C-alpha cells in the first residue's frame, strides 16, 4: 500500500550533503580570470552583457577597483555559460558573475521586489498547497517534474509518470520546487535552508534516486543532492526502450537547454526520443555545448528585458526558420513567442498538439495534478 510520507516538505531543516555554494569564492574566480583571460573576444560575440560591460578580465579589474554599488550589474547576465563554453583558456566567467550576485545579495544590494513574480512562483511551488511526496512501499525512486512542466503540461506529466512506471514499478513522486530562482539570485542561506528541507524529506522517505524532467532541477540535484542519485526522465525512457515509432516525419533542430550544455548523455537521449517521434534532426552550429540561451536565463528579463530579447532574437536567427524541439518547458514557452517549438515529451506522449496552459490556469493544473497523484498512489 502506498504511503503518504510528507506533504509541503515540512520536515525540520537538516543541511544536506551538498557542494558548498561558497567553494568557488569571488576572489578566487576574479584572480584566475584576471591572470588568464587573454581578451580574445570569443565570449563577447553573441553576448549583449559582455558587449556592454567588457571582457571578463575587464570586469574582474572593475570588481577589484570599484565599490560594490558600482560593479557591472551581474543580474543582467543570463548565467547561461556560453562564455565558458567558447573560452580557449577553459575559464568559467559565469561562475564569477554568480559569485558577484552572491556578494551583492549578502551586502543587501539585491532588490527582491523586482523578482516578485518568479519568487511568488517559487514560493507556491514549495508550498503545502502544491507540493507532495509519496513513495510506494519497496520503492527508492521518485519523479521530480519541477515547476514549469506541471504548470504548462500537467497531462504530459501524468503520461510521463505512467510511462516511467513500466521500468520503475515502485516509482514515487515529489511535487515541489528545487529553488533554482533563489540559487541564481545568489540567496545562499535561503537556498540552502529551503533546498535542505526538501533534501531531508526525500532522505526521510527513503529516496535514493530522483528522476528529473527539468534541466534546472537536474542541475540543482546533481550539484547539491549529495548521496541522492539524479537521472533525467529522457535517459530512463531511452534505457527502457520507450519508442513511439511515429511515421509522420518533420524537420527540426534541437535546442539544448543551457544547464545541460555539457551533458552529452541527456543531449543524446533527447535526440533518440525526438527521432522516434519522426523528427528529422537538422544540424545546427549553436547546439550542445554551444547552445544559446532562450532569453529566460538568469531572470534577466526583470532587470534588462532588452538583453533577454537579444538572446531570443539570436536563437531565432540561428534557427533560420526551422521548427525547434527542446526538453525544457521554460525554453518552450520563451521561444514559443518567436518560433514554432515543441517539447519532446509532448511529441512522445501525446497524439495531438499540446497547447500549454498560462497563468492563472497553471496553478489550478498543478493542484489537480497533485490530486491525481494522491489517487494514483494511495
Foldseek 3Di string as FASTA:
>chain_A
DWDFQDFLLPDAFDQFQFDAPCPCALVNLLVCCLVPPPQPCPLVPQAPLCVVQHDLNSQSVCVVVDPLVPHSQLLLDLLLQLSQLRGPSNRGSSSNSQNSLQVCVVVVNDDCVLVVVVVVQQDVQSGSLQWGWIWGPPAQEEEEAAQLCLLWPVVLVVLLVVLLCVVRVRYIYTGGHQCLLCSLSNVRVVNSRSNSSVLVSSVVVNHQEYEYLALSSQLSCVRTNPRRHYHYSLLSCVVVVQAQQAPDADEAEEAEGSSQLAPVSSVVSLVVLLVSLRYPYDDFPCHRNNGFHCLPGSVSCSPPVVSSVSRNVVVLVRRVQGEYEYSHSVSCVSNVVPHHYDYSSCSRRPPDDGGTDDPPVSSVSSSVSVVVSVVVRD
